[in-house]
Amino acid sequence: QESDINIDDYSCRWWLSKPVADNLRTQGWDASVWVW
């Protein structure tokens, strides 16, 4: 699913956070798991 995000605005996507943004910037990807 293609998404256009503002990587500096963590409120633009529910899953975007500083660690996710840092991973996208430095390694090009992020894999996250949320336990509910």
All heavy atoms as atom14 arrays in JSON, in Angstrom:
{
  "sequence": "QESDINIDDYSCRWWLSKPVADNLRTQGWDASVWVW",
  "atom14_mask": [
    [1, 1, 1, 1, 1, 1, 1, 1, 1, 0, 0, 0, 0, 0],
    [1, 1, 1, 1, 1, 1, 1, 1, 1, 0, 0, 0, 0, 0],
    [1, 1, 1, 1, 1, 1, 0, 0, 0, 0, 0, 0, 0, 0],
    [1, 1, 1, 1, 1, 1, 1, 1, 0, 0, 0, 0, 0, 0],
    [1, 1, 1, 1, 1, 1, 1, 1, 0, 0, 0, 0, 0, 0],
    [1, 1, 1, 1, 1, 1, 1, 1, 0, 0, 0, 0, 0, 0],
    [1, 1, 1, 1, 1, 1, 1, 1, 0, 0, 0, 0, 0, 0],
    [1, 1, 1, 1, 1, 1, 1, 1, 0, 0, 0, 0, 0, 0],
    [1, 1, 1, 1, 1, 1, 1, 1, 0, 0, 0, 0, 0, 0],
    [1, 1, 1, 1, 1, 1, 1, 1, 1, 1, 1, 1, 0, 0],
    [1, 1, 1, 1, 1, 1, 0, 0, 0, 0, 0, 0, 0, 0],
    [1, 1, 1, 1, 1, 1, 0, 0, 0, 0, 0, 0, 0, 0],
    [1, 1, 1, 1, 1, 1, 1, 1, 1, 1, 1, 0, 0, 0],
    [1, 1, 1, 1, 1, 1, 1, 1, 1, 1, 1, 1, 1, 1],
    [1, 1, 1, 1, 1, 1, 1, 1, 1, 1, 1, 1, 1, 1],
    [1, 1, 1, 1, 1, 1, 1, 1, 0, 0, 0, 0, 0, 0],
    [1, 1, 1, 1, 1, 1, 0, 0, 0, 0, 0, 0, 0, 0],
    [1, 1, 1, 1, 1, 1, 1, 1, 1, 0, 0, 0, 0, 0],
    [1, 1, 1, 1, 1, 1, 1, 0, 0, 0, 0, 0, 0, 0],
    [1, 1, 1, 1, 1, 1, 1, 0, 0, 0, 0, 0, 0, 0],
    [1, 1, 1, 1, 1, 0, 0, 0, 0, 0, 0, 0, 0, 0],
    [1, 1, 1, 1, 1, 1, 1, 1, 0, 0, 0, 0, 0, 0],
    [1, 1, 1, 1, 1, 1, 1, 1, 0, 0, 0, 0, 0, 0],
    [1, 1, 1, 1, 1, 1, 1, 1, 0, 0, 0, 0, 0, 0],
    [1, 1, 1, 1, 1, 1, 1, 1, 1, 1, 1, 0, 0, 0],
    [1, 1, 1, 1, 1, 1, 1, 0, 0, 0, 0, 0, 0, 0],
    [1, 1, 1, 1, 1, 1, 1, 1, 1, 0, 0, 0, 0, 0],
    [1, 1, 1, 1, 0, 0, 0, 0, 0, 0, 0, 0, 0, 0],
    [1, 1, 1, 1, 1, 1, 1, 1, 1, 1, 1, 1, 1, 1],
    [1, 1, 1, 1, 1, 1, 1, 1, 0, 0, 0, 0, 0, 0],
    [1, 1, 1, 1, 1, 0, 0, 0, 0, 0, 0, 0, 0, 0],
    [1, 1, 1, 1, 1, 1, 0, 0, 0, 0, 0, 0, 0, 0],
    [1, 1, 1, 1, 1, 1, 1, 0, 0, 0, 0, 0, 0, 0],
    [1, 1, 1, 1, 1, 1, 1, 1, 1, 1, 1, 1, 1, 1],
    [1, 1, 1, 1, 1, 1, 1, 0, 0, 0, 0, 0, 0, 0],
    [1, 1, 1, 1, 1, 1, 1, 1, 1, 1, 1, 1, 1, 1]
  ],
  "atom14_positions": [
    [[0.86, -1.18, 0.0], [0.0, 0.0, 0.0], [0.9, 1.23, 0.0], [1.63, 1.46, 0.96], [-0.9, 0.02, 1.24], [-1.86, -1.15, 1.31], [-2.67, -1.15, 2.59], [-2.6, -0.24, 3.4], [-3.44, -2.21, 2.78], [0.0, 0.0, 0.0], [0.0, 0.0, 0.0], [0.0, 0.0, 0.0], [0.0, 0.0, 0.0], [0.0, 0.0, 0.0]],
    [[0.86, 1.99, -1.1], [1.7, 3.18, -1.19], [1.14, 4.27, -0.31], [-0.07, 4.5, -0.27], [1.81, 3.66, -2.62], [2.83, 4.78, -2.77], [3.01, 5.2, -4.21], [3.46, 4.37, -5.01], [2.71, 6.38, -4.5], [0.0, 0.0, 0.0], [0.0, 0.0, 0.0], [0.0, 0.0, 0.0], [0.0, 0.0, 0.0], [0.0, 0.0, 0.0]],
    [[2.01, 4.94, 0.41], [1.61, 6.02, 1.3], [2.62, 7.15, 1.18], [3.82, 6.91, 1.04], [1.56, 5.5, 2.75], [0.99, 6.42, 3.61], [0.0, 0.0, 0.0], [0.0, 0.0, 0.0], [0.0, 0.0, 0.0], [0.0, 0.0, 0.0], [0.0, 0.0, 0.0], [0.0, 0.0, 0.0], [0.0, 0.0, 0.0], [0.0, 0.0, 0.0]],
    [[2.12, 8.36, 1.17], [2.98, 9.54, 1.13], [2.92, 10.17, 2.52], [1.86, 10.6, 2.95], [2.49, 10.52, 0.06], [3.53, 11.56, -0.3], [4.65, 11.5, 0.23], [3.21, 12.43, -1.12], [0.0, 0.0, 0.0], [0.0, 0.0, 0.0], [0.0, 0.0, 0.0], [0.0, 0.0, 0.0], [0.0, 0.0, 0.0], [0.0, 0.0, 0.0]],
    [[4.05, 10.16, 3.24], [4.06, 10.63, 4.62], [4.97, 11.84, 4.79], [5.91, 12.03, 4.03], [4.51, 9.52, 5.6], [5.96, 9.09, 5.32], [3.56, 8.33, 5.54], [6.55, 8.18, 6.37], [0.0, 0.0, 0.0], [0.0, 0.0, 0.0], [0.0, 0.0, 0.0], [0.0, 0.0, 0.0], [0.0, 0.0, 0.0], [0.0, 0.0, 0.0]],
    [[4.66, 12.64, 5.8], [5.57, 13.69, 6.26], [6.36, 13.05, 7.39], [5.85, 12.88, 8.5], [4.79, 14.9, 6.75], [5.7, 15.98, 7.29], [6.88, 15.76, 7.55], [5.15, 17.16, 7.48], [0.0, 0.0, 0.0], [0.0, 0.0, 0.0], [0.0, 0.0, 0.0], [0.0, 0.0, 0.0], [0.0, 0.0, 0.0], [0.0, 0.0, 0.0]],
    [[7.57, 12.67, 7.12], [8.37, 11.91, 8.08], [8.68, 12.68, 9.36], [9.04, 12.08, 10.37], [9.65, 11.39, 7.4], [10.22, 10.23, 8.2], [10.66, 12.5, 7.2], [10.96, 9.23, 7.41], [0.0, 0.0, 0.0], [0.0, 0.0, 0.0], [0.0, 0.0, 0.0], [0.0, 0.0, 0.0], [0.0, 0.0, 0.0], [0.0, 0.0, 0.0]],
    [[8.49, 13.98, 9.35], [8.72, 14.79, 10.55], [7.45, 15.06, 11.34], [7.5, 15.7, 12.39], [9.38, 16.12, 10.16], [10.75, 15.88, 9.54], [11.55, 15.13, 10.13], [11.02, 16.43, 8.45], [0.0, 0.0, 0.0], [0.0, 0.0, 0.0], [0.0, 0.0, 0.0], [0.0, 0.0, 0.0], [0.0, 0.0, 0.0], [0.0, 0.0, 0.0]],
    [[6.31, 14.61, 10.85], [5.02, 14.82, 11.53], [4.48, 13.47, 11.98], [3.82, 12.77, 11.22], [4.03, 15.5, 10.58], [2.66, 15.71, 11.21], [2.51, 15.46, 12.43], [1.74, 16.12, 10.49], [0.0, 0.0, 0.0], [0.0, 0.0, 0.0], [0.0, 0.0, 0.0], [0.0, 0.0, 0.0], [0.0, 0.0, 0.0], [0.0, 0.0, 0.0]],
    [[4.79, 13.1, 13.21], [4.43, 11.78, 13.72], [2.92, 11.57, 13.82], [2.47, 10.45, 13.95], [5.09, 11.52, 15.06], [6.6, 11.68, 15.04], [7.27, 12.23, 16.11], [7.36, 11.3, 13.94], [8.66, 12.4, 16.1], [8.73, 11.46, 13.9], [9.37, 12.0, 14.99], [10.72, 12.16, 14.96], [0.0, 0.0, 0.0], [0.0, 0.0, 0.0]],
    [[2.16, 12.63, 13.72], [0.7, 12.49, 13.79], [0.08, 12.2, 12.41], [-1.11, 11.97, 12.32], [0.08, 13.74, 14.4], [0.24, 14.85, 13.53], [0.0, 0.0, 0.0], [0.0, 0.0, 0.0], [0.0, 0.0, 0.0], [0.0, 0.0, 0.0], [0.0, 0.0, 0.0], [0.0, 0.0, 0.0], [0.0, 0.0, 0.0], [0.0, 0.0, 0.0]],
    [[0.9, 12.18, 11.35], [0.33, 11.98, 10.0], [-0.1, 10.53, 9.77], [-0.93, 10.28, 8.9], [1.27, 12.48, 8.91], [2.64, 11.4, 8.52], [0.0, 0.0, 0.0], [0.0, 0.0, 0.0], [0.0, 0.0, 0.0], [0.0, 0.0, 0.0], [0.0, 0.0, 0.0], [0.0, 0.0, 0.0], [0.0, 0.0, 0.0], [0.0, 0.0, 0.0]],
    [[0.44, 9.59, 10.51], [0.05, 8.17, 10.42], [0.09, 7.59, 11.83], [1.0, 7.89, 12.61], [0.99, 7.35, 9.54], [1.0, 7.74, 8.08], [-0.33, 7.42, 7.4], [-0.32, 7.7, 5.99], [-0.59, 8.87, 5.45], [-0.86, 9.91, 6.21], [-0.6, 9.03, 4.14], [0.0, 0.0, 0.0], [0.0, 0.0, 0.0], [0.0, 0.0, 0.0]],
    [[-0.87, 6.73, 12.13], [-0.94, 6.18, 13.49], [0.31, 5.38, 13.84], [0.7, 5.28, 15.0], [-2.2, 5.32, 13.68], [-2.22, 4.06, 12.87], [-2.75, 3.9, 11.62], [-1.68, 2.79, 13.24], [-2.56, 2.61, 11.19], [-1.91, 1.89, 12.17], [-1.01, 2.31, 14.37], [-1.52, 0.57, 12.2], [-0.62, 0.99, 14.4], [-0.87, 0.13, 13.33]],
    [[0.99, 4.84, 12.87], [2.13, 3.97, 13.11], [3.48, 4.71, 13.1], [4.51, 4.12, 13.42], [2.17, 2.84, 12.07], [2.02, 3.31, 10.65], [0.86, 3.36, 9.93], [3.05, 3.79, 9.78], [1.11, 3.84, 8.66], [2.45, 4.11, 8.54], [4.42, 3.98, 9.92], [3.17, 4.61, 7.46], [5.14, 4.47, 8.84], [4.51, 4.78, 7.64]],
    [[3.47, 5.99, 12.73], [4.73, 6.73, 12.6], [5.18, 7.27, 13.95], [4.42, 7.9, 14.67], [4.56, 7.87, 11.59], [5.83, 8.63, 11.22], [6.87, 7.7, 10.63], [5.5, 9.76, 10.26], [0.0, 0.0, 0.0], [0.0, 0.0, 0.0], [0.0, 0.0, 0.0], [0.0, 0.0, 0.0], [0.0, 0.0, 0.0], [0.0, 0.0, 0.0]],
    [[6.42, 7.0, 14.28], [7.04, 7.48, 15.52], [8.5, 7.84, 15.21], [8.98, 7.57, 14.1], [6.99, 6.38, 16.6], [7.77, 5.27, 16.18], [0.0, 0.0, 0.0], [0.0, 0.0, 0.0], [0.0, 0.0, 0.0], [0.0, 0.0, 0.0], [0.0, 0.0, 0.0], [0.0, 0.0, 0.0], [0.0, 0.0, 0.0], [0.0, 0.0, 0.0]],
    [[9.17, 8.41, 16.17], [10.57, 8.77, 15.96], [11.43, 7.56, 15.59], [12.2, 7.62, 14.63], [11.15, 9.5, 17.16], [12.59, 9.96, 16.94], [13.12, 10.81, 18.05], [14.53, 11.3, 17.88], [15.34, 10.86, 16.79], [0.0, 0.0, 0.0], [0.0, 0.0, 0.0], [0.0, 0.0, 0.0], [0.0, 0.0, 0.0], [0.0, 0.0, 0.0]],
    [[11.32, 6.43, 16.32], [12.14, 5.27, 15.92], [11.83, 4.77, 14.51], [12.75, 4.39, 13.78], [11.78, 4.21, 16.97], [11.3, 4.98, 18.15], [10.61, 6.19, 17.59], [0.0, 0.0, 0.0], [0.0, 0.0, 0.0], [0.0, 0.0, 0.0], [0.0, 0.0, 0.0], [0.0, 0.0, 0.0], [0.0, 0.0, 0.0], [0.0, 0.0, 0.0]],
    [[10.56, 4.77, 14.12], [10.2, 4.33, 12.76], [10.79, 5.3, 11.74], [11.4, 4.88, 10.74], [8.66, 4.23, 12.6], [8.28, 3.98, 11.14], [8.1, 3.13, 13.5], [0.0, 0.0, 0.0], [0.0, 0.0, 0.0], [0.0, 0.0, 0.0], [0.0, 0.0, 0.0], [0.0, 0.0, 0.0], [0.0, 0.0, 0.0], [0.0, 0.0, 0.0]],
    [[10.64, 6.6, 11.97], [11.18, 7.61, 11.06], [12.7, 7.48, 10.95], [13.26, 7.55, 9.85], [10.79, 9.01, 11.53], [0.0, 0.0, 0.0], [0.0, 0.0, 0.0], [0.0, 0.0, 0.0], [0.0, 0.0, 0.0], [0.0, 0.0, 0.0], [0.0, 0.0, 0.0], [0.0, 0.0, 0.0], [0.0, 0.0, 0.0], [0.0, 0.0, 0.0]],
    [[13.36, 7.27, 12.09], [14.82, 7.11, 12.07], [15.23, 5.9, 11.24], [16.18, 5.97, 10.46], [15.37, 6.99, 13.49], [15.3, 8.29, 14.28], [15.07, 9.36, 13.67], [15.45, 8.23, 15.51], [0.0, 0.0, 0.0], [0.0, 0.0, 0.0], [0.0, 0.0, 0.0], [0.0, 0.0, 0.0], [0.0, 0.0, 0.0], [0.0, 0.0, 0.0]],
    [[14.51, 4.79, 11.4], [14.82, 3.59, 10.61], [14.6, 3.81, 9.12], [15.4, 3.38, 8.3], [13.99, 2.4, 11.09], [14.47, 1.85, 12.41], [15.6, 2.08, 12.82], [13.61, 1.12, 13.1], [0.0, 0.0, 0.0], [0.0, 0.0, 0.0], [0.0, 0.0, 0.0], [0.0, 0.0, 0.0], [0.0, 0.0, 0.0], [0.0, 0.0, 0.0]],
    [[13.5, 4.48, 8.77], [13.24, 4.76, 7.36], [14.35, 5.63, 6.77], [14.77, 5.42, 5.63], [11.88, 5.43, 7.19], [10.67, 4.52, 7.38], [9.39, 5.35, 7.47], [10.58, 3.49, 6.26], [0.0, 0.0, 0.0], [0.0, 0.0, 0.0], [0.0, 0.0, 0.0], [0.0, 0.0, 0.0], [0.0, 0.0, 0.0], [0.0, 0.0, 0.0]],
    [[14.81, 6.6, 7.54], [15.87, 7.48, 7.06], [17.21, 6.76, 6.93], [17.95, 6.99, 5.97], [16.05, 8.66, 8.02], [15.04, 9.74, 7.89], [15.43, 10.93, 8.8], [14.43, 11.95, 8.76], [13.59, 12.23, 9.76], [13.64, 11.55, 10.89], [12.7, 13.19, 9.64], [0.0, 0.0, 0.0], [0.0, 0.0, 0.0], [0.0, 0.0, 0.0]],
    [[17.57, 5.94, 7.92], [18.91, 5.36, 7.96], [19.05, 4.03, 7.25], [20.07, 3.77, 6.63], [19.39, 5.2, 9.42], [18.5, 4.32, 10.11], [19.46, 6.54, 10.12], [0.0, 0.0, 0.0], [0.0, 0.0, 0.0], [0.0, 0.0, 0.0], [0.0, 0.0, 0.0], [0.0, 0.0, 0.0], [0.0, 0.0, 0.0], [0.0, 0.0, 0.0]],
    [[18.02, 3.16, 7.33], [18.16, 1.85, 6.69], [17.18, 1.62, 5.55], [17.29, 0.63, 4.83], [18.07, 0.72, 7.72], [16.73, 0.57, 8.39], [16.77, -0.47, 9.51], [17.84, -0.82, 10.02], [15.62, -0.97, 9.88], [0.0, 0.0, 0.0], [0.0, 0.0, 0.0], [0.0, 0.0, 0.0], [0.0, 0.0, 0.0], [0.0, 0.0, 0.0]],
    [[16.21, 2.52, 5.41], [15.27, 2.42, 4.3], [14.03, 1.6, 4.58], [13.17, 1.47, 3.72], [0.0, 0.0, 0.0], [0.0, 0.0, 0.0], [0.0, 0.0, 0.0], [0.0, 0.0, 0.0], [0.0, 0.0, 0.0], [0.0, 0.0, 0.0], [0.0, 0.0, 0.0], [0.0, 0.0, 0.0], [0.0, 0.0, 0.0], [0.0, 0.0, 0.0]],
    [[13.92, 1.03, 5.79], [12.75, 0.23, 6.12], [12.58, 0.15, 7.64], [13.5, 0.43, 8.4], [12.84, -1.17, 5.54], [14.03, -1.97, 6.02], [15.29, -1.96, 5.49], [14.07, -2.87, 7.13], [16.11, -2.79, 6.2], [15.39, -3.37, 7.22], [13.13, -3.29, 8.06], [15.78, -4.28, 8.19], [13.53, -4.2, 9.03], [14.84, -4.68, 9.09]],
    [[11.38, -0.24, 8.06], [11.1, -0.49, 9.47], [10.06, -1.6, 9.56], [9.11, -1.63, 8.77], [10.55, 0.77, 10.17], [10.26, 0.49, 11.64], [11.22, 0.51, 12.43], [9.09, 0.23, 11.97], [0.0, 0.0, 0.0], [0.0, 0.0, 0.0], [0.0, 0.0, 0.0], [0.0, 0.0, 0.0], [0.0, 0.0, 0.0], [0.0, 0.0, 0.0]],
    [[10.25, -2.5, 10.5], [9.28, -3.56, 10.76], [8.83, -3.42, 12.21], [9.66, -3.45, 13.12], [9.9, -4.93, 10.53], [0.0, 0.0, 0.0], [0.0, 0.0, 0.0], [0.0, 0.0, 0.0], [0.0, 0.0, 0.0], [0.0, 0.0, 0.0], [0.0, 0.0, 0.0], [0.0, 0.0, 0.0], [0.0, 0.0, 0.0], [0.0, 0.0, 0.0]],
    [[7.53, -3.22, 12.4], [6.99, -2.99, 13.74], [5.91, -4.01, 14.07], [5.22, -4.52, 13.19], [6.37, -1.59, 13.84], [7.33, -0.61, 13.56], [0.0, 0.0, 0.0], [0.0, 0.0, 0.0], [0.0, 0.0, 0.0], [0.0, 0.0, 0.0], [0.0, 0.0, 0.0], [0.0, 0.0, 0.0], [0.0, 0.0, 0.0], [0.0, 0.0, 0.0]],
    [[5.77, -4.29, 15.37], [4.71, -5.16, 15.88], [4.05, -4.43, 17.04], [4.71, -3.89, 17.91], [5.29, -6.5, 16.4], [4.18, -7.37, 17.0], [6.01, -7.24, 15.3], [0.0, 0.0, 0.0], [0.0, 0.0, 0.0], [0.0, 0.0, 0.0], [0.0, 0.0, 0.0], [0.0, 0.0, 0.0], [0.0, 0.0, 0.0], [0.0, 0.0, 0.0]],
    [[2.71, -4.42, 17.02], [1.95, -3.84, 18.13], [1.15, -4.94, 18.8], [0.38, -5.64, 18.16], [0.98, -2.75, 17.61], [1.71, -1.55, 17.13], [2.08, -0.46, 17.85], [2.16, -1.29, 15.8], [2.75, 0.43, 17.06], [2.81, -0.06, 15.8], [2.09, -2.04, 14.61], [3.37, 0.49, 14.66], [2.66, -1.5, 13.48], [3.29, -0.26, 13.51]],
    [[1.36, -5.09, 20.1], [0.66, -6.09, 20.88], [-0.52, -5.41, 21.55], [-0.36, -4.44, 22.29], [1.59, -6.71, 21.94], [0.85, -7.74, 22.79], [2.8, -7.34, 21.26], [0.0, 0.0, 0.0], [0.0, 0.0, 0.0], [0.0, 0.0, 0.0], [0.0, 0.0, 0.0], [0.0, 0.0, 0.0], [0.0, 0.0, 0.0], [0.0, 0.0, 0.0]],
    [[-1.72, -5.91, 21.27], [-2.95, -5.36, 21.84], [-3.47, -6.31, 22.9], [-3.64, -7.5, 22.65], [-4.02, -5.15, 20.78], [-3.57, -4.31, 19.63], [-3.35, -4.73, 18.36], [-3.25, -2.92, 19.63], [-2.93, -3.69, 17.57], [-2.86, -2.56, 18.33], [-3.27, -1.94, 20.62], [-2.5, -1.28, 17.98], [-2.91, -0.65, 20.25], [-2.54, -0.33, 18.96]]
  ]
}
